[in-house]
Amino acid sequence: APMQESLAAAVVMATGWSGEGNFINPMCGSGTLAIEAALIALGKAPGLLRSNFSFMHLCCTDEEAEAWKVMRAEAKQSARKTFPGKIIATDHSPEAIEAAQKNAATAGVDHLIEFRVCDFRQTPVPEGGGVVVLNPEYGERLGEERALEETYRAIGDFFKQHCSGYRGYVFTGNLDLAKRIGLRASRRIPMYNTTIDCR
């Protein structure tokens, strides 16, 4: 299921990643998790890319309008230009990577994310540790769910074989498939992707 920016930011924040170490995002789709990770690492205030907010259409004094301009300027100045970690986002779909690169350019972080077309199992995982986050398909129908069992098993193998020194996270709306990963979760954080109950 597609992920809204606010949910992606919450997922990144739940991992504890703030720009230290690396952020690896196989199965990146349109790049929302990787883009939010870059914005968080830079310390960019939420909504800083927006220029229009509802409150601006209400009556307010010149003093309040000036206070808003000052707060916005301070938020822009406090953002960093770079961070010590690396962000790598991959997907097997060239169309998804193309969309992710466009979305990252719109957000102004395309220069901070390494995009690559490949199977998630071929995602480069550099030395230095960090966080690996996957948002695999959930499998809405029974046939899809059976087909995805192997993918979820492969996620567990990928963590075990390639992600030593990293903390691994899987965001899913299918708890039965999550069991196929074959690794015990140290914690499960309830979240909703629209109406889908996720962990």
N, C-alpha and C. Protein backbone atom coordinates (compact mmCIF):
# COMPACT_ATOMS: atom_id res chain seq x y z
N ALA A 1 0.84 -1.19 0.00
CA ALA A 1 0.00 0.00 0.00
C ALA A 1 0.88 1.24 0.00
N PRO A 2 0.51 2.24 -0.77
CA PRO A 2 1.29 3.49 -0.74
C PRO A 2 1.32 4.07 0.66
N MET A 3 2.37 4.80 0.97
CA MET A 3 2.55 5.34 2.31
C MET A 3 2.58 6.86 2.25
N GLN A 4 1.74 7.49 3.07
CA GLN A 4 1.74 8.94 3.13
C GLN A 4 3.00 9.44 3.85
N GLU A 5 3.35 10.70 3.57
CA GLU A 5 4.57 11.26 4.13
C GLU A 5 4.57 11.26 5.65
N SER A 6 3.42 11.57 6.25
CA SER A 6 3.36 11.63 7.71
C SER A 6 3.60 10.26 8.33
N LEU A 7 3.05 9.21 7.72
CA LEU A 7 3.27 7.86 8.22
C LEU A 7 4.73 7.45 8.01
N ALA A 8 5.28 7.77 6.85
CA ALA A 8 6.69 7.44 6.59
C ALA A 8 7.60 8.12 7.61
N ALA A 9 7.32 9.38 7.92
CA ALA A 9 8.12 10.09 8.92
C ALA A 9 8.00 9.41 10.29
N ALA A 10 6.78 8.97 10.64
CA ALA A 10 6.58 8.28 11.91
C ALA A 10 7.35 6.97 11.96
N VAL A 11 7.37 6.25 10.84
CA VAL A 11 8.10 4.98 10.78
C VAL A 11 9.60 5.23 10.95
N VAL A 12 10.13 6.23 10.25
CA VAL A 12 11.56 6.55 10.37
C VAL A 12 11.88 6.96 11.80
N MET A 13 11.05 7.79 12.39
CA MET A 13 11.28 8.23 13.77
C MET A 13 11.21 7.05 14.75
N ALA A 14 10.33 6.08 14.49
CA ALA A 14 10.21 4.91 15.37
C ALA A 14 11.48 4.07 15.35
N THR A 15 12.25 4.14 14.26
CA THR A 15 13.51 3.38 14.19
C THR A 15 14.61 4.04 15.01
N GLY A 16 14.44 5.32 15.32
CA GLY A 16 15.46 6.05 16.05
C GLY A 16 16.54 6.64 15.17
N TRP A 17 16.43 6.48 13.84
CA TRP A 17 17.46 6.99 12.92
C TRP A 17 17.34 8.51 12.79
N SER A 18 18.48 9.19 12.90
CA SER A 18 18.46 10.66 12.79
C SER A 18 19.61 11.18 11.91
N GLY A 19 20.22 10.29 11.14
CA GLY A 19 21.31 10.71 10.27
C GLY A 19 22.64 10.10 10.64
N GLU A 20 22.71 9.49 11.81
CA GLU A 20 23.93 8.79 12.22
C GLU A 20 23.86 7.38 11.65
N GLY A 21 24.92 6.88 11.08
CA GLY A 21 24.89 5.57 10.45
C GLY A 21 24.16 5.68 9.12
N ASN A 22 23.79 4.53 8.58
CA ASN A 22 23.18 4.48 7.26
C ASN A 22 21.71 4.13 7.34
N PHE A 23 20.96 4.57 6.34
CA PHE A 23 19.54 4.24 6.22
C PHE A 23 19.37 3.49 4.90
N ILE A 24 19.03 2.21 4.99
CA ILE A 24 18.91 1.36 3.82
C ILE A 24 17.43 1.04 3.62
N ASN A 25 16.93 1.30 2.40
CA ASN A 25 15.50 1.13 2.13
C ASN A 25 15.26 0.30 0.87
N PRO A 26 15.41 -1.05 1.00
CA PRO A 26 15.02 -1.90 -0.13
C PRO A 26 13.50 -1.82 -0.32
N MET A 27 13.02 -2.16 -1.51
CA MET A 27 11.58 -2.08 -1.82
C MET A 27 11.08 -0.66 -1.61
N CYS A 28 11.81 0.33 -2.09
CA CYS A 28 11.52 1.73 -1.75
C CYS A 28 10.28 2.29 -2.42
N GLY A 29 9.78 1.65 -3.48
CA GLY A 29 8.60 2.18 -4.16
C GLY A 29 8.85 3.59 -4.64
N SER A 30 7.96 4.51 -4.29
CA SER A 30 8.10 5.90 -4.74
C SER A 30 9.07 6.71 -3.89
N GLY A 31 9.74 6.06 -2.93
CA GLY A 31 10.82 6.70 -2.19
C GLY A 31 10.43 7.46 -0.94
N THR A 32 9.19 7.31 -0.50
CA THR A 32 8.70 8.13 0.62
C THR A 32 9.52 7.93 1.90
N LEU A 33 9.84 6.69 2.24
CA LEU A 33 10.62 6.45 3.46
C LEU A 33 12.02 7.07 3.36
N ALA A 34 12.68 6.87 2.23
CA ALA A 34 14.04 7.40 2.06
C ALA A 34 14.04 8.93 2.07
N ILE A 35 13.03 9.53 1.45
CA ILE A 35 12.94 11.00 1.41
C ILE A 35 12.70 11.55 2.81
N GLU A 36 11.78 10.94 3.54
CA GLU A 36 11.52 11.41 4.91
C GLU A 36 12.76 11.20 5.79
N ALA A 37 13.48 10.11 5.56
CA ALA A 37 14.73 9.87 6.33
C ALA A 37 15.72 10.99 6.06
N ALA A 38 15.84 11.41 4.80
CA ALA A 38 16.77 12.50 4.46
C ALA A 38 16.33 13.81 5.12
N LEU A 39 15.05 14.11 5.08
CA LEU A 39 14.55 15.35 5.68
C LEU A 39 14.76 15.36 7.20
N ILE A 40 14.55 14.20 7.83
CA ILE A 40 14.77 14.09 9.28
C ILE A 40 16.25 14.25 9.60
N ALA A 41 17.12 13.61 8.81
CA ALA A 41 18.56 13.70 9.04
C ALA A 41 19.06 15.14 8.90
N LEU A 42 18.45 15.89 8.00
CA LEU A 42 18.84 17.30 7.82
C LEU A 42 18.24 18.21 8.89
N GLY A 43 17.30 17.69 9.65
CA GLY A 43 16.65 18.52 10.67
C GLY A 43 15.68 19.53 10.05
N LYS A 44 15.13 19.20 8.88
CA LYS A 44 14.18 20.11 8.23
C LYS A 44 12.84 20.01 8.94
N ALA A 45 12.28 21.14 9.27
CA ALA A 45 10.99 21.17 9.97
C ALA A 45 9.89 20.60 9.08
N PRO A 46 8.94 19.84 9.66
CA PRO A 46 7.82 19.32 8.87
C PRO A 46 7.04 20.48 8.23
N GLY A 47 6.65 20.30 6.98
CA GLY A 47 5.87 21.32 6.30
C GLY A 47 6.67 22.48 5.77
N LEU A 48 7.98 22.43 5.88
CA LEU A 48 8.83 23.55 5.45
C LEU A 48 8.76 23.77 3.94
N LEU A 49 8.42 22.71 3.21
CA LEU A 49 8.31 22.83 1.76
C LEU A 49 6.98 23.47 1.33
N ARG A 50 6.03 23.52 2.25
CA ARG A 50 4.73 24.13 1.94
C ARG A 50 4.81 25.64 2.09
N SER A 51 4.04 26.35 1.26
CA SER A 51 4.00 27.81 1.39
C SER A 51 2.62 28.31 1.81
N ASN A 52 1.63 27.42 1.83
CA ASN A 52 0.27 27.82 2.13
C ASN A 52 -0.32 26.95 3.23
N PHE A 53 -0.76 27.58 4.31
CA PHE A 53 -1.38 26.88 5.43
C PHE A 53 -2.76 27.50 5.68
N SER A 54 -3.68 26.72 6.20
CA SER A 54 -5.05 27.20 6.43
C SER A 54 -5.09 28.44 7.30
N PHE A 55 -4.26 28.49 8.35
CA PHE A 55 -4.32 29.63 9.26
C PHE A 55 -4.00 30.95 8.57
N MET A 56 -3.32 30.88 7.42
CA MET A 56 -2.95 32.11 6.70
C MET A 56 -4.18 32.82 6.12
N HIS A 57 -5.29 32.11 6.03
CA HIS A 57 -6.49 32.67 5.44
C HIS A 57 -7.44 33.22 6.51
N LEU A 58 -7.02 33.16 7.75
CA LEU A 58 -7.79 33.74 8.84
C LEU A 58 -7.28 35.15 9.10
N CYS A 59 -8.10 35.93 9.73
CA CYS A 59 -7.66 37.29 10.09
C CYS A 59 -6.53 37.19 11.12
N CYS A 60 -5.47 37.88 10.88
CA CYS A 60 -4.40 37.94 11.86
C CYS A 60 -3.73 39.31 11.78
N THR A 61 -3.08 39.66 12.85
CA THR A 61 -2.45 40.98 12.92
C THR A 61 -1.13 40.98 12.17
N ASP A 62 -0.62 42.16 11.89
CA ASP A 62 0.68 42.28 11.24
C ASP A 62 1.76 41.67 12.14
N GLU A 63 1.58 41.81 13.44
CA GLU A 63 2.54 41.26 14.40
C GLU A 63 2.58 39.73 14.33
N GLU A 64 1.40 39.10 14.20
CA GLU A 64 1.34 37.63 14.10
C GLU A 64 1.94 37.15 12.77
N ALA A 65 1.65 37.88 11.70
CA ALA A 65 2.21 37.52 10.39
C ALA A 65 3.73 37.62 10.41
N GLU A 66 4.24 38.63 11.07
CA GLU A 66 5.69 38.82 11.17
C GLU A 66 6.31 37.71 12.03
N ALA A 67 5.63 37.32 13.10
CA ALA A 67 6.12 36.24 13.96
C ALA A 67 6.23 34.94 13.16
N TRP A 68 5.25 34.69 12.28
CA TRP A 68 5.29 33.50 11.43
C TRP A 68 6.49 33.53 10.50
N LYS A 69 6.76 34.68 9.90
CA LYS A 69 7.91 34.81 8.99
C LYS A 69 9.22 34.54 9.73
N VAL A 70 9.32 35.05 10.93
CA VAL A 70 10.53 34.86 11.73
C VAL A 70 10.71 33.38 12.08
N MET A 71 9.62 32.73 12.53
CA MET A 71 9.71 31.31 12.88
C MET A 71 10.11 30.46 11.67
N ARG A 72 9.54 30.78 10.51
CA ARG A 72 9.85 30.03 9.29
C ARG A 72 11.32 30.22 8.89
N ALA A 73 11.81 31.45 9.00
CA ALA A 73 13.21 31.74 8.66
C ALA A 73 14.16 31.00 9.62
N GLU A 74 13.81 30.98 10.90
CA GLU A 74 14.63 30.26 11.89
C GLU A 74 14.66 28.77 11.60
N ALA A 75 13.51 28.21 11.21
CA ALA A 75 13.44 26.78 10.88
C ALA A 75 14.31 26.47 9.67
N LYS A 76 14.28 27.33 8.67
CA LYS A 76 15.11 27.11 7.48
C LYS A 76 16.60 27.19 7.82
N GLN A 77 16.97 28.14 8.67
CA GLN A 77 18.37 28.33 9.02
C GLN A 77 18.91 27.19 9.88
N SER A 78 18.04 26.59 10.69
CA SER A 78 18.51 25.53 11.59
C SER A 78 18.73 24.20 10.88
N ALA A 79 18.22 24.05 9.66
CA ALA A 79 18.40 22.80 8.92
C ALA A 79 19.86 22.64 8.49
N ARG A 80 20.34 21.40 8.57
CA ARG A 80 21.71 21.10 8.15
C ARG A 80 21.76 20.93 6.63
N LYS A 81 22.95 21.02 6.08
CA LYS A 81 23.14 20.81 4.63
C LYS A 81 23.46 19.35 4.31
N THR A 82 24.06 18.66 5.28
CA THR A 82 24.45 17.27 5.06
C THR A 82 24.44 16.54 6.40
N PHE A 83 24.73 15.25 6.37
CA PHE A 83 24.76 14.43 7.58
C PHE A 83 25.76 13.30 7.35
N PRO A 84 26.27 12.67 8.41
CA PRO A 84 27.34 11.69 8.24
C PRO A 84 26.90 10.36 7.64
N GLY A 85 25.63 10.03 7.72
CA GLY A 85 25.16 8.74 7.21
C GLY A 85 24.93 8.72 5.71
N LYS A 86 24.57 7.55 5.22
CA LYS A 86 24.27 7.33 3.81
C LYS A 86 22.84 6.83 3.70
N ILE A 87 22.14 7.22 2.65
CA ILE A 87 20.80 6.69 2.39
C ILE A 87 20.84 5.96 1.05
N ILE A 88 20.44 4.69 1.08
CA ILE A 88 20.39 3.88 -0.14
C ILE A 88 18.98 3.35 -0.29
N ALA A 89 18.37 3.58 -1.45
CA ALA A 89 17.01 3.13 -1.73
C ALA A 89 17.00 2.33 -3.02
N THR A 90 16.41 1.13 -2.97
CA THR A 90 16.38 0.27 -4.16
C THR A 90 14.97 -0.25 -4.40
N ASP A 91 14.73 -0.61 -5.64
CA ASP A 91 13.46 -1.26 -6.01
C ASP A 91 13.71 -2.04 -7.29
N HIS A 92 12.98 -3.12 -7.48
CA HIS A 92 13.16 -3.93 -8.70
C HIS A 92 12.51 -3.27 -9.92
N SER A 93 11.66 -2.26 -9.68
CA SER A 93 10.95 -1.60 -10.77
C SER A 93 11.66 -0.32 -11.22
N PRO A 94 12.09 -0.26 -12.48
CA PRO A 94 12.70 0.99 -12.98
C PRO A 94 11.74 2.18 -12.91
N GLU A 95 10.44 1.91 -13.11
CA GLU A 95 9.45 2.98 -13.03
C GLU A 95 9.36 3.54 -11.61
N ALA A 96 9.41 2.64 -10.62
CA ALA A 96 9.36 3.08 -9.22
C ALA A 96 10.58 3.94 -8.89
N ILE A 97 11.76 3.53 -9.33
CA ILE A 97 12.98 4.30 -9.06
C ILE A 97 12.93 5.65 -9.75
N GLU A 98 12.40 5.68 -10.97
CA GLU A 98 12.28 6.96 -11.68
C GLU A 98 11.34 7.90 -10.91
N ALA A 99 10.22 7.37 -10.43
CA ALA A 99 9.28 8.18 -9.64
C ALA A 99 9.94 8.63 -8.33
N ALA A 100 10.68 7.73 -7.69
CA ALA A 100 11.35 8.06 -6.43
C ALA A 100 12.37 9.18 -6.63
N GLN A 101 13.12 9.12 -7.73
CA GLN A 101 14.11 10.17 -8.01
C GLN A 101 13.43 11.52 -8.24
N LYS A 102 12.30 11.52 -8.94
CA LYS A 102 11.55 12.76 -9.16
C LYS A 102 11.02 13.31 -7.84
N ASN A 103 10.48 12.42 -7.00
CA ASN A 103 9.96 12.86 -5.70
C ASN A 103 11.07 13.41 -4.82
N ALA A 104 12.23 12.77 -4.85
CA ALA A 104 13.37 13.25 -4.05
C ALA A 104 13.84 14.61 -4.55
N ALA A 105 13.82 14.81 -5.88
CA ALA A 105 14.22 16.11 -6.45
C ALA A 105 13.23 17.19 -6.02
N THR A 106 11.94 16.88 -6.02
CA THR A 106 10.92 17.83 -5.58
C THR A 106 11.14 18.22 -4.12
N ALA A 107 11.54 17.25 -3.30
CA ALA A 107 11.80 17.50 -1.88
C ALA A 107 13.17 18.13 -1.64
N GLY A 108 14.01 18.21 -2.69
CA GLY A 108 15.32 18.83 -2.55
C GLY A 108 16.37 17.95 -1.91
N VAL A 109 16.15 16.62 -1.93
CA VAL A 109 17.11 15.70 -1.28
C VAL A 109 17.65 14.64 -2.23
N ASP A 110 17.43 14.81 -3.53
CA ASP A 110 17.87 13.79 -4.49
C ASP A 110 19.38 13.57 -4.46
N HIS A 111 20.14 14.60 -4.12
CA HIS A 111 21.61 14.46 -4.06
C HIS A 111 22.08 13.68 -2.82
N LEU A 112 21.17 13.41 -1.89
CA LEU A 112 21.53 12.72 -0.64
C LEU A 112 21.14 11.25 -0.63
N ILE A 113 20.43 10.79 -1.68
CA ILE A 113 19.95 9.42 -1.71
C ILE A 113 20.53 8.69 -2.92
N GLU A 114 21.11 7.52 -2.66
CA GLU A 114 21.60 6.67 -3.75
C GLU A 114 20.47 5.74 -4.17
N PHE A 115 19.97 5.91 -5.39
CA PHE A 115 18.90 5.06 -5.91
C PHE A 115 19.50 3.99 -6.82
N ARG A 116 18.90 2.80 -6.78
CA ARG A 116 19.38 1.71 -7.63
C ARG A 116 18.22 0.78 -7.98
N VAL A 117 18.21 0.30 -9.22
CA VAL A 117 17.24 -0.70 -9.64
C VAL A 117 17.86 -2.07 -9.39
N CYS A 118 17.24 -2.85 -8.50
CA CYS A 118 17.71 -4.21 -8.24
C CYS A 118 16.71 -4.92 -7.35
N ASP A 119 16.81 -6.23 -7.31
CA ASP A 119 16.05 -7.02 -6.36
C ASP A 119 16.50 -6.62 -4.95
N PHE A 120 15.58 -6.65 -3.99
CA PHE A 120 15.94 -6.18 -2.65
C PHE A 120 17.11 -6.96 -2.07
N ARG A 121 17.29 -8.20 -2.48
CA ARG A 121 18.39 -9.01 -1.97
C ARG A 121 19.75 -8.55 -2.45
N GLN A 122 19.77 -7.75 -3.52
CA GLN A 122 21.03 -7.20 -4.05
C GLN A 122 21.29 -5.77 -3.57
N THR A 123 20.49 -5.29 -2.65
CA THR A 123 20.69 -3.94 -2.13
C THR A 123 22.04 -3.85 -1.43
N PRO A 124 22.87 -2.86 -1.80
CA PRO A 124 24.16 -2.72 -1.12
C PRO A 124 23.97 -2.28 0.34
N VAL A 125 24.67 -2.94 1.23
CA VAL A 125 24.60 -2.62 2.65
C VAL A 125 26.03 -2.31 3.10
N PRO A 126 26.37 -1.01 3.16
CA PRO A 126 27.76 -0.65 3.49
C PRO A 126 28.11 -0.91 4.95
N GLU A 127 29.40 -0.98 5.21
CA GLU A 127 29.89 -1.11 6.58
C GLU A 127 29.47 0.13 7.38
N GLY A 128 29.42 -0.01 8.67
CA GLY A 128 29.15 1.15 9.52
C GLY A 128 27.84 1.09 10.26
N GLY A 129 27.00 0.12 9.93
CA GLY A 129 25.75 -0.04 10.65
C GLY A 129 24.73 1.04 10.35
N GLY A 130 23.59 0.89 10.99
CA GLY A 130 22.49 1.83 10.79
C GLY A 130 21.17 1.12 10.85
N VAL A 131 20.28 1.48 9.93
CA VAL A 131 18.91 0.98 9.94
C VAL A 131 18.55 0.46 8.55
N VAL A 132 17.86 -0.67 8.51
CA VAL A 132 17.30 -1.20 7.27
C VAL A 132 15.79 -1.24 7.46
N VAL A 133 15.04 -0.61 6.55
CA VAL A 133 13.58 -0.57 6.65
C VAL A 133 12.97 -1.05 5.35
N LEU A 134 12.08 -2.03 5.45
CA LEU A 134 11.35 -2.52 4.29
C LEU A 134 9.85 -2.34 4.51
N ASN A 135 9.15 -2.01 3.44
CA ASN A 135 7.70 -1.92 3.43
C ASN A 135 7.19 -2.81 2.30
N PRO A 136 7.19 -4.16 2.54
CA PRO A 136 6.78 -5.07 1.47
C PRO A 136 5.27 -5.05 1.26
N GLU A 137 4.85 -5.68 0.16
CA GLU A 137 3.42 -5.82 -0.11
C GLU A 137 2.77 -6.59 1.03
N TYR A 138 1.47 -6.34 1.25
CA TYR A 138 0.76 -6.99 2.34
C TYR A 138 -0.02 -8.23 1.87
N GLY A 139 -0.38 -8.29 0.58
CA GLY A 139 -1.14 -9.44 0.07
C GLY A 139 -2.59 -9.38 0.48
N GLU A 140 -3.41 -8.72 -0.30
CA GLU A 140 -4.82 -8.54 0.05
C GLU A 140 -5.63 -9.83 -0.15
N ARG A 141 -5.34 -10.60 -1.20
CA ARG A 141 -6.12 -11.81 -1.49
C ARG A 141 -5.28 -13.04 -1.19
N LEU A 142 -5.95 -14.17 -1.00
CA LEU A 142 -5.30 -15.39 -0.57
C LEU A 142 -4.18 -15.82 -1.51
N GLY A 143 -4.40 -15.78 -2.81
CA GLY A 143 -3.38 -16.17 -3.78
C GLY A 143 -2.15 -15.29 -3.66
N GLU A 144 -2.37 -13.99 -3.49
CA GLU A 144 -1.26 -13.05 -3.33
C GLU A 144 -0.49 -13.36 -2.06
N GLU A 145 -1.23 -13.68 -1.00
CA GLU A 145 -0.58 -13.95 0.28
C GLU A 145 0.34 -15.15 0.17
N ARG A 146 -0.12 -16.21 -0.50
CA ARG A 146 0.72 -17.41 -0.67
C ARG A 146 1.97 -17.08 -1.47
N ALA A 147 1.80 -16.27 -2.51
CA ALA A 147 2.95 -15.90 -3.35
C ALA A 147 3.96 -15.07 -2.58
N LEU A 148 3.50 -14.31 -1.60
CA LEU A 148 4.38 -13.43 -0.84
C LEU A 148 5.11 -14.14 0.30
N GLU A 149 4.70 -15.36 0.64
CA GLU A 149 5.36 -16.08 1.73
C GLU A 149 6.86 -16.20 1.49
N GLU A 150 7.25 -16.51 0.25
CA GLU A 150 8.67 -16.65 -0.08
C GLU A 150 9.39 -15.31 0.04
N THR A 151 8.72 -14.23 -0.35
CA THR A 151 9.33 -12.90 -0.24
C THR A 151 9.62 -12.58 1.22
N TYR A 152 8.67 -12.85 2.10
CA TYR A 152 8.87 -12.56 3.52
C TYR A 152 9.96 -13.45 4.11
N ARG A 153 10.04 -14.71 3.68
CA ARG A 153 11.14 -15.58 4.13
C ARG A 153 12.48 -15.00 3.66
N ALA A 154 12.50 -14.52 2.42
CA ALA A 154 13.73 -13.95 1.86
C ALA A 154 14.16 -12.68 2.60
N ILE A 155 13.19 -11.93 3.13
CA ILE A 155 13.52 -10.75 3.93
C ILE A 155 14.31 -11.17 5.17
N GLY A 156 13.86 -12.22 5.83
CA GLY A 156 14.58 -12.74 6.99
C GLY A 156 15.99 -13.17 6.63
N ASP A 157 16.12 -13.86 5.48
CA ASP A 157 17.45 -14.30 5.02
C ASP A 157 18.34 -13.10 4.71
N PHE A 158 17.76 -12.07 4.09
CA PHE A 158 18.51 -10.85 3.76
C PHE A 158 19.05 -10.21 5.04
N PHE A 159 18.21 -10.09 6.06
CA PHE A 159 18.66 -9.52 7.33
C PHE A 159 19.81 -10.34 7.91
N LYS A 160 19.65 -11.65 7.94
CA LYS A 160 20.66 -12.52 8.56
C LYS A 160 21.98 -12.52 7.80
N GLN A 161 21.90 -12.54 6.47
CA GLN A 161 23.10 -12.71 5.66
C GLN A 161 23.82 -11.41 5.31
N HIS A 162 23.08 -10.28 5.25
CA HIS A 162 23.69 -9.05 4.74
C HIS A 162 23.66 -7.85 5.69
N CYS A 163 22.94 -7.95 6.78
CA CYS A 163 22.69 -6.74 7.59
C CYS A 163 23.29 -6.82 8.98
N SER A 164 24.41 -7.48 9.11
CA SER A 164 25.08 -7.55 10.41
C SER A 164 25.48 -6.14 10.86
N GLY A 165 25.20 -5.82 12.11
CA GLY A 165 25.52 -4.50 12.64
C GLY A 165 24.43 -3.47 12.41
N TYR A 166 23.35 -3.87 11.77
CA TYR A 166 22.21 -2.98 11.51
C TYR A 166 21.01 -3.38 12.35
N ARG A 167 20.10 -2.43 12.56
CA ARG A 167 18.79 -2.72 13.14
C ARG A 167 17.81 -2.84 11.97
N GLY A 168 17.05 -3.93 11.94
CA GLY A 168 16.14 -4.18 10.83
C GLY A 168 14.70 -3.96 11.22
N TYR A 169 13.93 -3.34 10.31
CA TYR A 169 12.52 -3.05 10.53
C TYR A 169 11.71 -3.44 9.29
N VAL A 170 10.56 -4.04 9.52
CA VAL A 170 9.63 -4.35 8.44
C VAL A 170 8.29 -3.72 8.81
N PHE A 171 7.77 -2.88 7.93
CA PHE A 171 6.46 -2.28 8.13
C PHE A 171 5.47 -3.09 7.29
N THR A 172 4.51 -3.74 7.94
CA THR A 172 3.58 -4.59 7.21
C THR A 172 2.17 -4.51 7.78
N GLY A 173 1.22 -4.76 6.90
CA GLY A 173 -0.19 -4.84 7.29
C GLY A 173 -0.66 -6.28 7.30
N ASN A 174 0.27 -7.23 7.28
CA ASN A 174 -0.09 -8.64 7.30
C ASN A 174 0.76 -9.37 8.34
N LEU A 175 0.19 -9.56 9.51
CA LEU A 175 0.95 -10.16 10.61
C LEU A 175 1.24 -11.63 10.37
N ASP A 176 0.37 -12.32 9.61
CA ASP A 176 0.64 -13.73 9.28
C ASP A 176 1.87 -13.85 8.40
N LEU A 177 1.97 -12.98 7.39
CA LEU A 177 3.16 -13.00 6.54
C LEU A 177 4.40 -12.60 7.32
N ALA A 178 4.25 -11.67 8.25
CA ALA A 178 5.40 -11.22 9.05
C ALA A 178 6.05 -12.38 9.80
N LYS A 179 5.25 -13.38 10.19
CA LYS A 179 5.80 -14.55 10.89
C LYS A 179 6.75 -15.34 10.00
N ARG A 180 6.57 -15.23 8.68
CA ARG A 180 7.41 -15.97 7.72
C ARG A 180 8.84 -15.43 7.68
N ILE A 181 9.06 -14.23 8.22
CA ILE A 181 10.41 -13.65 8.21
C ILE A 181 11.37 -14.54 9.00
N GLY A 182 10.85 -15.18 10.04
CA GLY A 182 11.66 -16.14 10.78
C GLY A 182 12.59 -15.53 11.80
N LEU A 183 12.40 -14.26 12.13
CA LEU A 183 13.19 -13.61 13.17
C LEU A 183 12.21 -13.06 14.21
N ARG A 184 12.61 -13.14 15.46
CA ARG A 184 11.74 -12.63 16.52
C ARG A 184 11.85 -11.12 16.61
N ALA A 185 10.71 -10.46 16.59
CA ALA A 185 10.70 -9.00 16.71
C ALA A 185 10.94 -8.60 18.16
N SER A 186 11.81 -7.61 18.36
CA SER A 186 12.06 -7.14 19.72
C SER A 186 10.94 -6.21 20.18
N ARG A 187 10.22 -5.63 19.21
CA ARG A 187 9.05 -4.82 19.54
C ARG A 187 8.15 -4.71 18.32
N ARG A 188 6.86 -4.50 18.61
CA ARG A 188 5.87 -4.30 17.54
C ARG A 188 5.14 -3.00 17.85
N ILE A 189 5.20 -2.08 16.93
CA ILE A 189 4.58 -0.77 17.14
C ILE A 189 3.32 -0.70 16.28
N PRO A 190 2.14 -0.58 16.90
CA PRO A 190 0.91 -0.48 16.11
C PRO A 190 0.83 0.86 15.37
N MET A 191 0.54 0.79 14.09
CA MET A 191 0.33 1.98 13.25
C MET A 191 -0.76 1.63 12.24
N TYR A 192 -1.35 2.64 11.66
CA TYR A 192 -2.35 2.41 10.62
C TYR A 192 -1.89 3.05 9.32
N ASN A 193 -1.99 2.29 8.24
CA ASN A 193 -1.79 2.84 6.91
C ASN A 193 -3.19 2.96 6.33
N THR A 194 -3.74 4.15 6.37
CA THR A 194 -5.16 4.43 6.13
C THR A 194 -5.97 3.56 7.08
N THR A 195 -6.73 2.57 6.55
CA THR A 195 -7.54 1.73 7.45
C THR A 195 -6.86 0.40 7.75
N ILE A 196 -5.66 0.19 7.25
CA ILE A 196 -4.99 -1.11 7.43
C ILE A 196 -4.21 -1.10 8.74
N ASP A 197 -4.54 -2.06 9.61
CA ASP A 197 -3.84 -2.23 10.89
C ASP A 197 -2.46 -2.79 10.61
N CYS A 198 -1.43 -2.05 10.96
CA CYS A 198 -0.05 -2.43 10.62
C CYS A 198 0.81 -2.53 11.87
N ARG A 199 1.97 -3.13 11.70
CA ARG A 199 3.00 -3.18 12.74
C ARG A 199 4.33 -2.86 12.07
